[in-house]
Amino acid sequence: MTERALILCKGPQLGSDDFPVKQQKPEVAVINDEMINLRISEVAMIRRALQNSQYNQSAAADQLGITRDALIRKMKKYDIAVCKNEE
């Protein structure tokens, strides 16, 4: 990184501007004045797919375009139980 800064440096000395820092992207983005959170959206999609498939994990995974194993991992990650009474 220092070598790159030396090559691209326009002045005789290196400064903080020669070492750009990547900005962290926020977890929540604003699109069309709506707050969008990836975690909330993913949980809602998983729950909707499970409801639409009558809680059949294979069918829900097909609706989401992922494997059943990936669905199960996401369900564990977000603590989503396969229970019709959960609604």
N, C-alpha and C. Protein backbone atom coordinates (compact mmCIF):
# COMPACT_ATOMS: atom_id res chain seq x y z
N MET A 1 0.81 -1.18 0.00
CA MET A 1 0.00 0.00 0.00
C MET A 1 0.87 1.25 0.00
N THR A 2 1.99 1.21 0.72
CA THR A 2 2.88 2.37 0.76
C THR A 2 3.50 2.62 -0.59
N GLU A 3 3.91 1.55 -1.28
CA GLU A 3 4.50 1.72 -2.61
C GLU A 3 3.50 2.36 -3.56
N ARG A 4 2.27 1.92 -3.50
CA ARG A 4 1.23 2.48 -4.36
C ARG A 4 1.02 3.96 -4.05
N ALA A 5 1.02 4.30 -2.75
CA ALA A 5 0.86 5.69 -2.36
C ALA A 5 2.01 6.54 -2.87
N LEU A 6 3.24 6.00 -2.82
CA LEU A 6 4.41 6.74 -3.33
C LEU A 6 4.29 6.99 -4.83
N ILE A 7 3.83 6.00 -5.55
CA ILE A 7 3.69 6.13 -7.00
C ILE A 7 2.62 7.15 -7.36
N LEU A 8 1.49 7.11 -6.63
CA LEU A 8 0.36 7.97 -6.96
C LEU A 8 0.42 9.35 -6.29
N CYS A 9 1.35 9.54 -5.37
CA CYS A 9 1.47 10.80 -4.65
C CYS A 9 1.79 11.94 -5.61
N LYS A 10 1.09 13.06 -5.47
CA LYS A 10 1.30 14.20 -6.35
C LYS A 10 2.29 15.21 -5.77
N GLY A 11 2.54 15.17 -4.49
CA GLY A 11 3.44 16.11 -3.85
C GLY A 11 4.74 15.45 -3.41
N PRO A 12 5.61 16.22 -2.76
CA PRO A 12 6.90 15.67 -2.32
C PRO A 12 6.78 14.81 -1.06
N GLN A 13 5.67 14.89 -0.35
CA GLN A 13 5.49 14.12 0.88
C GLN A 13 4.16 13.37 0.84
N LEU A 14 4.16 12.25 1.54
CA LEU A 14 2.92 11.48 1.67
C LEU A 14 2.05 12.12 2.75
N GLY A 15 0.78 12.16 2.50
CA GLY A 15 -0.18 12.68 3.49
C GLY A 15 -1.30 11.69 3.69
N SER A 16 -2.20 12.04 4.59
CA SER A 16 -3.32 11.13 4.88
C SER A 16 -4.22 10.95 3.66
N ASP A 17 -4.26 11.93 2.77
CA ASP A 17 -5.07 11.80 1.55
C ASP A 17 -4.52 10.74 0.60
N ASP A 18 -3.25 10.39 0.75
CA ASP A 18 -2.63 9.38 -0.11
C ASP A 18 -2.96 7.96 0.34
N PHE A 19 -3.61 7.83 1.49
CA PHE A 19 -4.00 6.53 2.02
C PHE A 19 -5.50 6.50 2.24
N PRO A 20 -6.25 6.33 1.15
CA PRO A 20 -7.70 6.35 1.30
C PRO A 20 -8.20 5.15 2.10
N VAL A 21 -9.19 5.42 2.91
CA VAL A 21 -9.80 4.38 3.74
C VAL A 21 -11.18 4.10 3.17
N LYS A 22 -11.48 2.83 2.99
CA LYS A 22 -12.81 2.46 2.48
C LYS A 22 -13.85 2.80 3.52
N GLN A 23 -14.93 3.39 3.06
CA GLN A 23 -16.04 3.74 3.94
C GLN A 23 -16.86 2.49 4.22
N GLN A 24 -17.25 2.34 5.48
CA GLN A 24 -18.11 1.22 5.85
C GLN A 24 -19.52 1.50 5.38
N LYS A 25 -20.14 0.52 4.76
CA LYS A 25 -21.52 0.68 4.33
C LYS A 25 -22.43 0.43 5.51
N PRO A 26 -23.46 1.23 5.68
CA PRO A 26 -24.37 1.01 6.81
C PRO A 26 -25.19 -0.26 6.62
N GLU A 27 -25.60 -0.85 7.75
CA GLU A 27 -26.43 -2.04 7.69
C GLU A 27 -27.80 -1.74 7.11
N VAL A 28 -28.26 -0.54 7.36
CA VAL A 28 -29.59 -0.14 6.90
C VAL A 28 -29.43 0.92 5.82
N ALA A 29 -30.10 0.72 4.71
CA ALA A 29 -30.05 1.68 3.60
C ALA A 29 -31.42 2.32 3.43
N VAL A 30 -31.41 3.51 2.87
CA VAL A 30 -32.68 4.19 2.62
C VAL A 30 -32.91 4.20 1.11
N ILE A 31 -33.99 3.57 0.68
CA ILE A 31 -34.36 3.52 -0.72
C ILE A 31 -35.81 3.95 -0.82
N ASN A 32 -36.06 4.99 -1.61
CA ASN A 32 -37.42 5.52 -1.77
C ASN A 32 -38.07 5.82 -0.41
N ASP A 33 -37.30 6.42 0.48
CA ASP A 33 -37.77 6.81 1.81
C ASP A 33 -38.21 5.63 2.67
N GLU A 34 -37.80 4.41 2.33
CA GLU A 34 -38.11 3.24 3.14
C GLU A 34 -36.83 2.73 3.75
N MET A 35 -36.92 2.29 4.98
CA MET A 35 -35.76 1.68 5.63
C MET A 35 -35.72 0.21 5.21
N ILE A 36 -34.59 -0.21 4.72
CA ILE A 36 -34.45 -1.59 4.28
C ILE A 36 -33.31 -2.22 5.06
N ASN A 37 -33.58 -3.32 5.70
CA ASN A 37 -32.60 -4.04 6.48
C ASN A 37 -32.55 -5.46 5.92
N LEU A 38 -31.38 -5.89 5.51
CA LEU A 38 -31.23 -7.20 4.87
C LEU A 38 -31.70 -8.33 5.77
N ARG A 39 -31.37 -8.28 7.05
CA ARG A 39 -31.75 -9.35 7.96
C ARG A 39 -33.27 -9.45 8.06
N ILE A 40 -33.93 -8.32 8.25
CA ILE A 40 -35.38 -8.32 8.38
C ILE A 40 -36.03 -8.82 7.09
N SER A 41 -35.51 -8.39 5.95
CA SER A 41 -36.06 -8.82 4.67
C SER A 41 -35.89 -10.31 4.46
N GLU A 42 -34.71 -10.82 4.81
CA GLU A 42 -34.44 -12.24 4.61
C GLU A 42 -35.32 -13.10 5.52
N VAL A 43 -35.48 -12.69 6.77
CA VAL A 43 -36.35 -13.42 7.69
C VAL A 43 -37.78 -13.43 7.16
N ALA A 44 -38.26 -12.29 6.70
CA ALA A 44 -39.63 -12.20 6.18
C ALA A 44 -39.81 -13.10 4.96
N MET A 45 -38.82 -13.12 4.06
CA MET A 45 -38.91 -13.96 2.87
C MET A 45 -38.94 -15.44 3.24
N ILE A 46 -38.11 -15.82 4.20
CA ILE A 46 -38.07 -17.23 4.63
C ILE A 46 -39.41 -17.62 5.25
N ARG A 47 -39.92 -16.77 6.12
CA ARG A 47 -41.21 -17.07 6.76
C ARG A 47 -42.33 -17.18 5.72
N ARG A 48 -42.33 -16.26 4.75
CA ARG A 48 -43.37 -16.27 3.71
C ARG A 48 -43.27 -17.54 2.87
N ALA A 49 -42.05 -17.92 2.50
CA ALA A 49 -41.86 -19.14 1.69
C ALA A 49 -42.31 -20.37 2.46
N LEU A 50 -42.02 -20.41 3.75
CA LEU A 50 -42.46 -21.55 4.57
C LEU A 50 -43.98 -21.60 4.66
N GLN A 51 -44.61 -20.45 4.84
CA GLN A 51 -46.08 -20.41 4.91
C GLN A 51 -46.69 -20.84 3.58
N ASN A 52 -46.13 -20.32 2.48
CA ASN A 52 -46.66 -20.65 1.14
C ASN A 52 -46.52 -22.13 0.81
N SER A 53 -45.49 -22.75 1.38
CA SER A 53 -45.24 -24.16 1.09
C SER A 53 -45.81 -25.08 2.16
N GLN A 54 -46.64 -24.52 3.04
CA GLN A 54 -47.22 -25.28 4.15
C GLN A 54 -46.13 -25.91 5.00
N TYR A 55 -45.07 -25.16 5.19
CA TYR A 55 -43.93 -25.52 6.04
C TYR A 55 -43.14 -26.71 5.53
N ASN A 56 -43.19 -26.95 4.24
CA ASN A 56 -42.36 -27.96 3.60
C ASN A 56 -41.03 -27.28 3.25
N GLN A 57 -39.95 -27.70 3.92
CA GLN A 57 -38.67 -27.03 3.76
C GLN A 57 -38.12 -27.14 2.34
N SER A 58 -38.27 -28.28 1.72
CA SER A 58 -37.77 -28.46 0.35
C SER A 58 -38.49 -27.52 -0.61
N ALA A 59 -39.81 -27.44 -0.48
CA ALA A 59 -40.60 -26.57 -1.36
C ALA A 59 -40.27 -25.10 -1.09
N ALA A 60 -40.09 -24.75 0.18
CA ALA A 60 -39.75 -23.36 0.53
C ALA A 60 -38.38 -22.99 -0.04
N ALA A 61 -37.43 -23.92 0.05
CA ALA A 61 -36.09 -23.68 -0.50
C ALA A 61 -36.16 -23.47 -2.01
N ASP A 62 -36.99 -24.28 -2.69
CA ASP A 62 -37.17 -24.12 -4.13
C ASP A 62 -37.73 -22.74 -4.46
N GLN A 63 -38.70 -22.28 -3.68
CA GLN A 63 -39.28 -20.95 -3.91
C GLN A 63 -38.23 -19.85 -3.75
N LEU A 64 -37.32 -20.05 -2.80
CA LEU A 64 -36.29 -19.04 -2.54
C LEU A 64 -35.09 -19.17 -3.47
N GLY A 65 -35.03 -20.28 -4.20
CA GLY A 65 -33.91 -20.48 -5.12
C GLY A 65 -32.62 -20.88 -4.42
N ILE A 66 -32.76 -21.56 -3.28
CA ILE A 66 -31.60 -22.04 -2.53
C ILE A 66 -31.79 -23.52 -2.23
N THR A 67 -30.74 -24.16 -1.74
CA THR A 67 -30.85 -25.57 -1.37
C THR A 67 -31.55 -25.70 -0.02
N ARG A 68 -32.04 -26.88 0.25
CA ARG A 68 -32.70 -27.14 1.53
C ARG A 68 -31.70 -26.95 2.67
N ASP A 69 -30.46 -27.40 2.46
CA ASP A 69 -29.43 -27.23 3.50
C ASP A 69 -29.17 -25.75 3.78
N ALA A 70 -29.15 -24.92 2.73
CA ALA A 70 -28.94 -23.48 2.92
C ALA A 70 -30.11 -22.87 3.70
N LEU A 71 -31.33 -23.33 3.38
CA LEU A 71 -32.51 -22.85 4.09
C LEU A 71 -32.41 -23.21 5.57
N ILE A 72 -32.03 -24.42 5.86
CA ILE A 72 -31.93 -24.88 7.25
C ILE A 72 -30.87 -24.06 7.99
N ARG A 73 -29.73 -23.78 7.35
CA ARG A 73 -28.69 -22.95 7.98
C ARG A 73 -29.23 -21.55 8.29
N LYS A 74 -29.96 -20.97 7.34
CA LYS A 74 -30.53 -19.64 7.55
C LYS A 74 -31.58 -19.66 8.66
N MET A 75 -32.36 -20.72 8.71
CA MET A 75 -33.37 -20.84 9.76
C MET A 75 -32.71 -20.93 11.14
N LYS A 76 -31.61 -21.65 11.23
CA LYS A 76 -30.88 -21.73 12.50
C LYS A 76 -30.26 -20.37 12.83
N LYS A 77 -29.70 -19.71 11.82
CA LYS A 77 -29.06 -18.40 12.02
C LYS A 77 -30.05 -17.40 12.58
N TYR A 78 -31.28 -17.38 12.03
CA TYR A 78 -32.29 -16.41 12.44
C TYR A 78 -33.27 -16.96 13.47
N ASP A 79 -33.01 -18.18 13.96
CA ASP A 79 -33.85 -18.82 14.98
C ASP A 79 -35.31 -18.91 14.52
N ILE A 80 -35.49 -19.44 13.32
CA ILE A 80 -36.83 -19.65 12.76
C ILE A 80 -37.18 -21.12 12.90
N ALA A 81 -38.26 -21.39 13.61
CA ALA A 81 -38.69 -22.77 13.83
C ALA A 81 -39.74 -23.14 12.79
N VAL A 82 -39.79 -24.41 12.45
CA VAL A 82 -40.82 -24.91 11.53
C VAL A 82 -42.00 -25.29 12.40
N CYS A 83 -42.88 -24.32 12.56
CA CYS A 83 -44.04 -24.52 13.44
C CYS A 83 -45.19 -23.70 12.92
N LYS A 84 -46.27 -24.33 12.59
CA LYS A 84 -47.44 -23.63 12.04
C LYS A 84 -48.05 -22.67 13.06
N ASN A 85 -47.85 -22.91 14.33
CA ASN A 85 -48.41 -22.06 15.38
C ASN A 85 -47.61 -20.78 15.56
N GLU A 86 -46.47 -20.68 14.89
CA GLU A 86 -45.57 -19.53 15.04
C GLU A 86 -46.14 -18.27 14.44
N GLU A 87 -47.04 -18.36 13.50
CA GLU A 87 -47.61 -17.23 12.79
C GLU A 87 -48.18 -16.28 13.78
